N, C-alpha and C. Protein backbone atom coordinates (compact mmCIF):
# COMPACT_ATOMS: atom_id res chain seq x y z
N GLU A 1 -6.20 178.17 -30.84
CA GLU A 1 -7.05 176.99 -30.98
C GLU A 1 -6.23 175.73 -30.71
N VAL A 2 -6.74 174.90 -29.83
CA VAL A 2 -6.07 173.63 -29.52
C VAL A 2 -6.29 172.65 -30.66
N GLN A 3 -5.20 172.03 -31.08
CA GLN A 3 -5.31 170.99 -32.10
C GLN A 3 -4.40 169.83 -31.77
N LEU A 4 -4.94 168.64 -31.97
CA LEU A 4 -4.17 167.40 -31.96
C LEU A 4 -4.46 166.74 -33.30
N VAL A 5 -3.44 166.61 -34.13
CA VAL A 5 -3.63 166.10 -35.48
C VAL A 5 -2.87 164.79 -35.63
N GLU A 6 -3.63 163.72 -35.80
CA GLU A 6 -3.02 162.41 -35.99
C GLU A 6 -2.72 162.17 -37.46
N SER A 7 -1.67 161.44 -37.71
CA SER A 7 -1.32 161.03 -39.07
C SER A 7 -0.56 159.72 -39.00
N GLY A 8 -0.41 159.10 -40.17
CA GLY A 8 0.36 157.86 -40.25
C GLY A 8 -0.46 156.60 -40.33
N GLY A 9 -1.77 156.74 -40.22
CA GLY A 9 -2.62 155.56 -40.35
C GLY A 9 -2.65 155.07 -41.79
N GLY A 10 -3.26 153.91 -41.98
CA GLY A 10 -3.37 153.36 -43.32
C GLY A 10 -3.65 151.88 -43.28
N LEU A 11 -3.43 151.24 -44.41
CA LEU A 11 -3.67 149.81 -44.58
C LEU A 11 -2.33 149.09 -44.56
N VAL A 12 -2.25 148.05 -43.76
CA VAL A 12 -1.01 147.28 -43.66
C VAL A 12 -1.36 145.81 -43.47
N GLN A 13 -0.49 144.94 -43.92
CA GLN A 13 -0.72 143.52 -43.74
C GLN A 13 -0.34 143.10 -42.32
N ALA A 14 -0.96 142.03 -41.88
CA ALA A 14 -0.63 141.49 -40.56
C ALA A 14 0.87 141.21 -40.48
N GLY A 15 1.43 141.56 -39.35
CA GLY A 15 2.86 141.43 -39.15
C GLY A 15 3.65 142.66 -39.50
N GLY A 16 3.00 143.60 -40.15
CA GLY A 16 3.67 144.82 -40.57
C GLY A 16 3.72 145.86 -39.48
N SER A 17 4.21 147.04 -39.85
CA SER A 17 4.40 148.13 -38.89
C SER A 17 3.83 149.43 -39.45
N LEU A 18 3.44 150.29 -38.53
CA LEU A 18 3.05 151.66 -38.84
C LEU A 18 3.55 152.54 -37.71
N ARG A 19 3.79 153.80 -38.03
CA ARG A 19 4.10 154.77 -36.99
C ARG A 19 3.09 155.91 -37.07
N LEU A 20 2.33 156.05 -36.00
CA LEU A 20 1.39 157.15 -35.91
C LEU A 20 2.08 158.36 -35.29
N SER A 21 1.67 159.53 -35.76
CA SER A 21 2.16 160.78 -35.19
C SER A 21 0.98 161.59 -34.68
N CYS A 22 1.23 162.35 -33.65
CA CYS A 22 0.23 163.26 -33.10
C CYS A 22 0.91 164.61 -32.94
N ALA A 23 0.55 165.56 -33.78
CA ALA A 23 1.13 166.89 -33.74
C ALA A 23 0.21 167.82 -32.95
N ALA A 24 0.78 168.47 -31.95
CA ALA A 24 -0.01 169.30 -31.03
C ALA A 24 0.25 170.78 -31.25
N SER A 25 -0.78 171.57 -31.05
CA SER A 25 -0.64 173.03 -31.11
C SER A 25 -1.73 173.66 -30.27
N GLY A 26 -1.49 174.92 -29.89
CA GLY A 26 -2.51 175.67 -29.18
C GLY A 26 -2.51 175.52 -27.68
N PHE A 27 -1.56 174.76 -27.13
CA PHE A 27 -1.44 174.65 -25.68
C PHE A 27 0.02 174.37 -25.34
N THR A 28 0.36 174.48 -24.06
CA THR A 28 1.73 174.27 -23.62
C THR A 28 2.02 172.78 -23.57
N PHE A 29 2.63 172.29 -24.62
CA PHE A 29 2.81 170.85 -24.82
C PHE A 29 3.49 170.20 -23.64
N GLY A 30 4.51 170.84 -23.11
CA GLY A 30 5.27 170.26 -22.02
C GLY A 30 4.50 170.11 -20.72
N ASP A 31 3.34 170.68 -20.63
CA ASP A 31 2.51 170.58 -19.42
C ASP A 31 1.53 169.42 -19.47
N TYR A 32 1.53 168.69 -20.57
CA TYR A 32 0.48 167.69 -20.78
C TYR A 32 1.05 166.31 -21.05
N ALA A 33 0.42 165.33 -20.41
CA ALA A 33 0.62 163.95 -20.81
C ALA A 33 -0.13 163.72 -22.12
N ILE A 34 0.37 162.79 -22.92
CA ILE A 34 -0.27 162.46 -24.19
C ILE A 34 -0.58 160.98 -24.21
N GLY A 35 -1.72 160.65 -24.73
CA GLY A 35 -2.11 159.25 -24.78
C GLY A 35 -2.76 158.89 -26.09
N TRP A 36 -2.96 157.58 -26.26
CA TRP A 36 -3.64 157.06 -27.44
C TRP A 36 -4.79 156.15 -27.01
N PHE A 37 -5.91 156.35 -27.67
CA PHE A 37 -7.05 155.46 -27.56
C PHE A 37 -7.34 154.90 -28.94
N ARG A 38 -8.09 153.83 -28.97
CA ARG A 38 -8.56 153.32 -30.25
C ARG A 38 -9.97 152.79 -30.09
N GLN A 39 -10.68 152.78 -31.19
CA GLN A 39 -12.03 152.24 -31.18
C GLN A 39 -12.30 151.53 -32.49
N ALA A 40 -12.62 150.26 -32.36
CA ALA A 40 -12.99 149.44 -33.50
C ALA A 40 -14.50 149.45 -33.65
N PRO A 41 -15.01 149.19 -34.85
CA PRO A 41 -16.45 149.19 -35.07
C PRO A 41 -17.15 148.20 -34.14
N GLY A 42 -18.17 148.67 -33.47
CA GLY A 42 -18.94 147.81 -32.60
C GLY A 42 -18.29 147.48 -31.27
N LYS A 43 -17.15 148.08 -31.00
CA LYS A 43 -16.43 147.80 -29.76
C LYS A 43 -16.28 149.06 -28.93
N GLU A 44 -16.03 148.87 -27.64
CA GLU A 44 -15.81 150.00 -26.77
C GLU A 44 -14.44 150.63 -27.04
N ARG A 45 -14.37 151.90 -26.73
CA ARG A 45 -13.09 152.58 -26.84
C ARG A 45 -12.08 151.99 -25.87
N GLU A 46 -10.85 151.87 -26.32
CA GLU A 46 -9.80 151.24 -25.51
C GLU A 46 -8.61 152.20 -25.38
N GLY A 47 -8.19 152.44 -24.17
CA GLY A 47 -7.00 153.24 -23.92
C GLY A 47 -5.78 152.36 -24.01
N ILE A 48 -4.88 152.62 -24.93
CA ILE A 48 -3.79 151.68 -25.18
C ILE A 48 -2.43 152.16 -24.72
N SER A 49 -2.21 153.44 -24.63
CA SER A 49 -0.88 153.90 -24.25
C SER A 49 -0.92 155.37 -23.86
N SER A 50 0.03 155.74 -23.02
CA SER A 50 0.19 157.15 -22.67
C SER A 50 1.61 157.39 -22.19
N ILE A 51 2.02 158.66 -22.22
CA ILE A 51 3.36 159.03 -21.81
C ILE A 51 3.31 160.30 -20.99
N SER A 52 4.03 160.28 -19.90
CA SER A 52 4.08 161.43 -19.01
C SER A 52 4.85 162.59 -19.61
N ASN A 53 4.46 163.80 -19.22
CA ASN A 53 5.21 164.98 -19.61
C ASN A 53 6.32 165.29 -18.62
N GLU A 54 6.31 164.65 -17.44
CA GLU A 54 7.25 165.02 -16.38
C GLU A 54 8.49 164.13 -16.38
N ASP A 55 8.29 162.83 -16.43
CA ASP A 55 9.44 161.94 -16.29
C ASP A 55 9.51 160.88 -17.38
N GLY A 56 8.65 160.98 -18.38
CA GLY A 56 8.68 160.01 -19.47
C GLY A 56 8.07 158.67 -19.15
N SER A 57 7.43 158.56 -17.98
CA SER A 57 6.77 157.30 -17.64
C SER A 57 5.75 156.96 -18.72
N THR A 58 5.57 155.67 -18.92
CA THR A 58 4.65 155.22 -19.96
C THR A 58 3.67 154.19 -19.41
N TYR A 59 2.58 154.08 -20.12
CA TYR A 59 1.58 153.04 -19.84
C TYR A 59 1.26 152.34 -21.16
N TYR A 60 1.10 151.03 -21.09
CA TYR A 60 0.66 150.24 -22.23
C TYR A 60 -0.42 149.26 -21.76
N SER A 61 -1.44 149.12 -22.55
CA SER A 61 -2.42 148.08 -22.25
C SER A 61 -1.82 146.72 -22.57
N ASP A 62 -2.38 145.69 -22.00
CA ASP A 62 -1.88 144.35 -22.25
C ASP A 62 -1.99 143.98 -23.73
N SER A 63 -2.98 144.55 -24.40
CA SER A 63 -3.22 144.19 -25.79
C SER A 63 -2.11 144.69 -26.73
N VAL A 64 -1.33 145.68 -26.30
CA VAL A 64 -0.30 146.23 -27.19
C VAL A 64 1.10 146.15 -26.58
N LYS A 65 1.18 145.79 -25.33
CA LYS A 65 2.48 145.76 -24.64
C LYS A 65 3.44 144.82 -25.38
N GLY A 66 4.64 145.31 -25.59
CA GLY A 66 5.65 144.53 -26.28
C GLY A 66 5.64 144.70 -27.79
N ARG A 67 4.58 145.31 -28.32
CA ARG A 67 4.48 145.52 -29.76
C ARG A 67 4.48 147.01 -30.13
N PHE A 68 3.90 147.83 -29.27
CA PHE A 68 3.79 149.27 -29.52
C PHE A 68 4.74 150.02 -28.60
N THR A 69 5.26 151.13 -29.11
CA THR A 69 6.13 152.00 -28.32
C THR A 69 5.70 153.44 -28.50
N ILE A 70 5.47 154.11 -27.38
CA ILE A 70 5.11 155.53 -27.41
C ILE A 70 6.34 156.36 -27.09
N SER A 71 6.46 157.50 -27.75
CA SER A 71 7.56 158.42 -27.47
C SER A 71 7.09 159.84 -27.76
N ARG A 72 7.82 160.80 -27.21
CA ARG A 72 7.45 162.19 -27.45
C ARG A 72 8.68 163.02 -27.74
N ASP A 73 8.50 164.00 -28.60
CA ASP A 73 9.54 164.95 -28.95
C ASP A 73 9.01 166.31 -28.58
N ASN A 74 9.41 166.80 -27.44
CA ASN A 74 8.86 168.06 -26.96
C ASN A 74 9.23 169.23 -27.86
N ALA A 75 10.42 169.18 -28.44
CA ALA A 75 10.83 170.26 -29.34
C ALA A 75 9.92 170.34 -30.56
N GLU A 76 9.50 169.18 -31.05
CA GLU A 76 8.62 169.12 -32.22
C GLU A 76 7.14 169.12 -31.84
N ARG A 77 6.85 169.08 -30.56
CA ARG A 77 5.47 169.04 -30.07
C ARG A 77 4.71 167.88 -30.71
N THR A 78 5.37 166.76 -30.74
CA THR A 78 4.80 165.59 -31.40
C THR A 78 5.00 164.35 -30.55
N VAL A 79 3.99 163.50 -30.57
CA VAL A 79 4.07 162.19 -29.93
C VAL A 79 3.93 161.13 -31.02
N TYR A 80 4.69 160.07 -30.86
CA TYR A 80 4.69 158.99 -31.84
C TYR A 80 4.20 157.69 -31.19
N LEU A 81 3.56 156.88 -31.99
CA LEU A 81 3.20 155.54 -31.56
C LEU A 81 3.71 154.58 -32.62
N GLN A 82 4.81 153.92 -32.31
CA GLN A 82 5.38 152.93 -33.22
C GLN A 82 4.64 151.61 -32.99
N MET A 83 4.04 151.09 -34.02
CA MET A 83 3.23 149.87 -33.91
C MET A 83 3.87 148.78 -34.77
N ASN A 84 4.34 147.75 -34.11
CA ASN A 84 4.97 146.62 -34.80
C ASN A 84 4.14 145.37 -34.61
N SER A 85 4.43 144.38 -35.42
CA SER A 85 3.74 143.08 -35.34
C SER A 85 2.23 143.27 -35.31
N LEU A 86 1.75 144.07 -36.22
CA LEU A 86 0.32 144.40 -36.21
C LEU A 86 -0.53 143.18 -36.51
N LYS A 87 -1.70 143.16 -35.88
CA LYS A 87 -2.65 142.07 -36.02
C LYS A 87 -3.97 142.62 -36.57
N PRO A 88 -4.78 141.78 -37.18
CA PRO A 88 -6.09 142.26 -37.65
C PRO A 88 -6.92 142.89 -36.53
N GLU A 89 -6.76 142.41 -35.32
CA GLU A 89 -7.53 142.97 -34.20
C GLU A 89 -7.04 144.34 -33.77
N ASP A 90 -5.96 144.82 -34.36
CA ASP A 90 -5.52 146.20 -34.12
C ASP A 90 -6.26 147.19 -35.00
N THR A 91 -7.07 146.69 -35.92
CA THR A 91 -7.84 147.56 -36.80
C THR A 91 -8.79 148.43 -35.98
N ALA A 92 -8.69 149.73 -36.16
CA ALA A 92 -9.49 150.67 -35.38
C ALA A 92 -9.18 152.09 -35.83
N VAL A 93 -9.97 153.03 -35.33
CA VAL A 93 -9.61 154.43 -35.43
C VAL A 93 -8.80 154.77 -34.19
N TYR A 94 -7.65 155.37 -34.39
CA TYR A 94 -6.74 155.71 -33.30
C TYR A 94 -6.81 157.20 -33.02
N TYR A 95 -7.01 157.52 -31.74
CA TYR A 95 -7.17 158.90 -31.31
C TYR A 95 -6.03 159.29 -30.37
N CYS A 96 -5.52 160.47 -30.58
CA CYS A 96 -4.53 161.07 -29.70
C CYS A 96 -5.25 161.98 -28.70
N VAL A 97 -4.79 161.95 -27.44
CA VAL A 97 -5.39 162.80 -26.42
C VAL A 97 -4.30 163.49 -25.62
N ALA A 98 -4.68 164.60 -25.00
CA ALA A 98 -3.77 165.32 -24.12
C ALA A 98 -4.48 165.61 -22.81
N ASP A 99 -3.77 165.42 -21.72
CA ASP A 99 -4.36 165.68 -20.41
C ASP A 99 -3.28 166.14 -19.44
N LYS A 100 -3.68 166.98 -18.51
CA LYS A 100 -2.73 167.55 -17.54
C LYS A 100 -2.16 166.49 -16.60
N TYR A 101 -2.89 165.41 -16.39
CA TYR A 101 -2.52 164.50 -15.31
C TYR A 101 -2.27 163.09 -15.84
N PHE A 102 -0.99 162.73 -15.96
CA PHE A 102 -0.63 161.42 -16.50
C PHE A 102 -1.18 160.28 -15.66
N GLU A 103 -1.06 160.37 -14.36
CA GLU A 103 -1.49 159.26 -13.51
C GLU A 103 -2.98 159.00 -13.66
N ALA A 104 -3.75 160.09 -13.73
CA ALA A 104 -5.20 159.92 -13.89
C ALA A 104 -5.52 159.36 -15.27
N LEU A 105 -4.84 159.86 -16.28
CA LEU A 105 -5.07 159.37 -17.64
C LEU A 105 -4.72 157.89 -17.74
N ALA A 106 -3.55 157.53 -17.24
CA ALA A 106 -3.13 156.12 -17.31
C ALA A 106 -4.06 155.22 -16.51
N ALA A 107 -4.50 155.70 -15.37
CA ALA A 107 -5.42 154.90 -14.55
C ALA A 107 -6.74 154.69 -15.27
N ALA A 108 -7.24 155.74 -15.90
CA ALA A 108 -8.48 155.62 -16.66
C ALA A 108 -8.32 154.64 -17.82
N GLN A 109 -7.18 154.68 -18.48
CA GLN A 109 -6.93 153.75 -19.57
C GLN A 109 -6.85 152.33 -19.03
N ARG A 110 -6.16 152.15 -17.93
CA ARG A 110 -5.96 150.83 -17.35
C ARG A 110 -7.28 150.22 -16.90
N MET A 111 -8.14 151.05 -16.30
CA MET A 111 -9.39 150.53 -15.74
C MET A 111 -10.55 150.61 -16.73
N GLY A 112 -10.33 151.29 -17.85
CA GLY A 112 -11.39 151.39 -18.84
C GLY A 112 -12.57 152.20 -18.36
N VAL A 113 -12.30 153.25 -17.60
CA VAL A 113 -13.38 154.09 -17.08
C VAL A 113 -13.37 155.43 -17.79
N ASN A 114 -14.52 156.08 -17.74
CA ASN A 114 -14.62 157.40 -18.34
C ASN A 114 -13.84 158.42 -17.52
N TYR A 115 -13.20 159.30 -18.22
CA TYR A 115 -12.41 160.35 -17.59
C TYR A 115 -12.47 161.55 -18.49
N ASP A 116 -12.64 162.70 -17.91
CA ASP A 116 -12.83 163.92 -18.67
C ASP A 116 -11.49 164.44 -19.19
N ILE A 117 -11.04 163.84 -20.28
CA ILE A 117 -9.76 164.19 -20.88
C ILE A 117 -9.84 165.57 -21.49
N ASP A 118 -8.74 166.31 -21.35
CA ASP A 118 -8.76 167.71 -21.77
C ASP A 118 -8.96 167.89 -23.27
N TYR A 119 -8.15 167.19 -24.06
CA TYR A 119 -8.23 167.41 -25.52
C TYR A 119 -8.17 166.09 -26.27
N TRP A 120 -8.89 166.06 -27.40
CA TRP A 120 -8.94 164.89 -28.28
C TRP A 120 -8.60 165.31 -29.70
N GLY A 121 -7.93 164.39 -30.41
CA GLY A 121 -7.76 164.57 -31.83
C GLY A 121 -8.94 163.98 -32.59
N GLN A 122 -8.88 164.09 -33.91
CA GLN A 122 -9.98 163.63 -34.76
C GLN A 122 -9.87 162.16 -35.13
N GLY A 123 -8.69 161.61 -34.97
CA GLY A 123 -8.52 160.18 -35.23
C GLY A 123 -7.92 159.87 -36.59
N THR A 124 -7.28 158.73 -36.66
CA THR A 124 -6.73 158.22 -37.92
C THR A 124 -7.02 156.73 -38.00
N GLN A 125 -7.40 156.28 -39.19
CA GLN A 125 -7.81 154.89 -39.37
C GLN A 125 -6.58 154.00 -39.58
N VAL A 126 -6.56 152.90 -38.86
CA VAL A 126 -5.56 151.86 -39.07
C VAL A 126 -6.31 150.58 -39.42
N THR A 127 -5.95 150.00 -40.54
CA THR A 127 -6.57 148.76 -40.99
C THR A 127 -5.48 147.72 -41.22
N VAL A 128 -5.61 146.59 -40.56
CA VAL A 128 -4.64 145.51 -40.69
C VAL A 128 -5.33 144.33 -41.36
N SER A 129 -4.83 143.97 -42.52
CA SER A 129 -5.42 142.86 -43.26
C SER A 129 -4.74 141.54 -42.90
N SER A 130 -5.52 140.49 -42.95
CA SER A 130 -4.98 139.16 -42.60
C SER A 130 -4.36 138.46 -43.80
């Protein structure tokens, strides 16, 4: 059974930091790019970051660039999203995804278009208070 399990969400004050984790199982982790989406209440889903499985290339949306850092530990089958300088507008449910094709995933995130991503996690809530 394929699983992507997010953890590390919670309540933090503006300016604070959180580190999200995405633990993967049930598929060949090294064959998949991993990404993060988020969705705030009443807003469209936003693709914010992804990391290649082949060369470590990364993508960041303008909204998080310079504040968030994505990384992966293939031995642990885990991807991390370090979130610094958090703002109230970062409040959302954060979802981890896995897809075979990093370029397609990153392009879909960049353009905000629908793309048939292979696997989704259940999400973790991040709330940033002002």
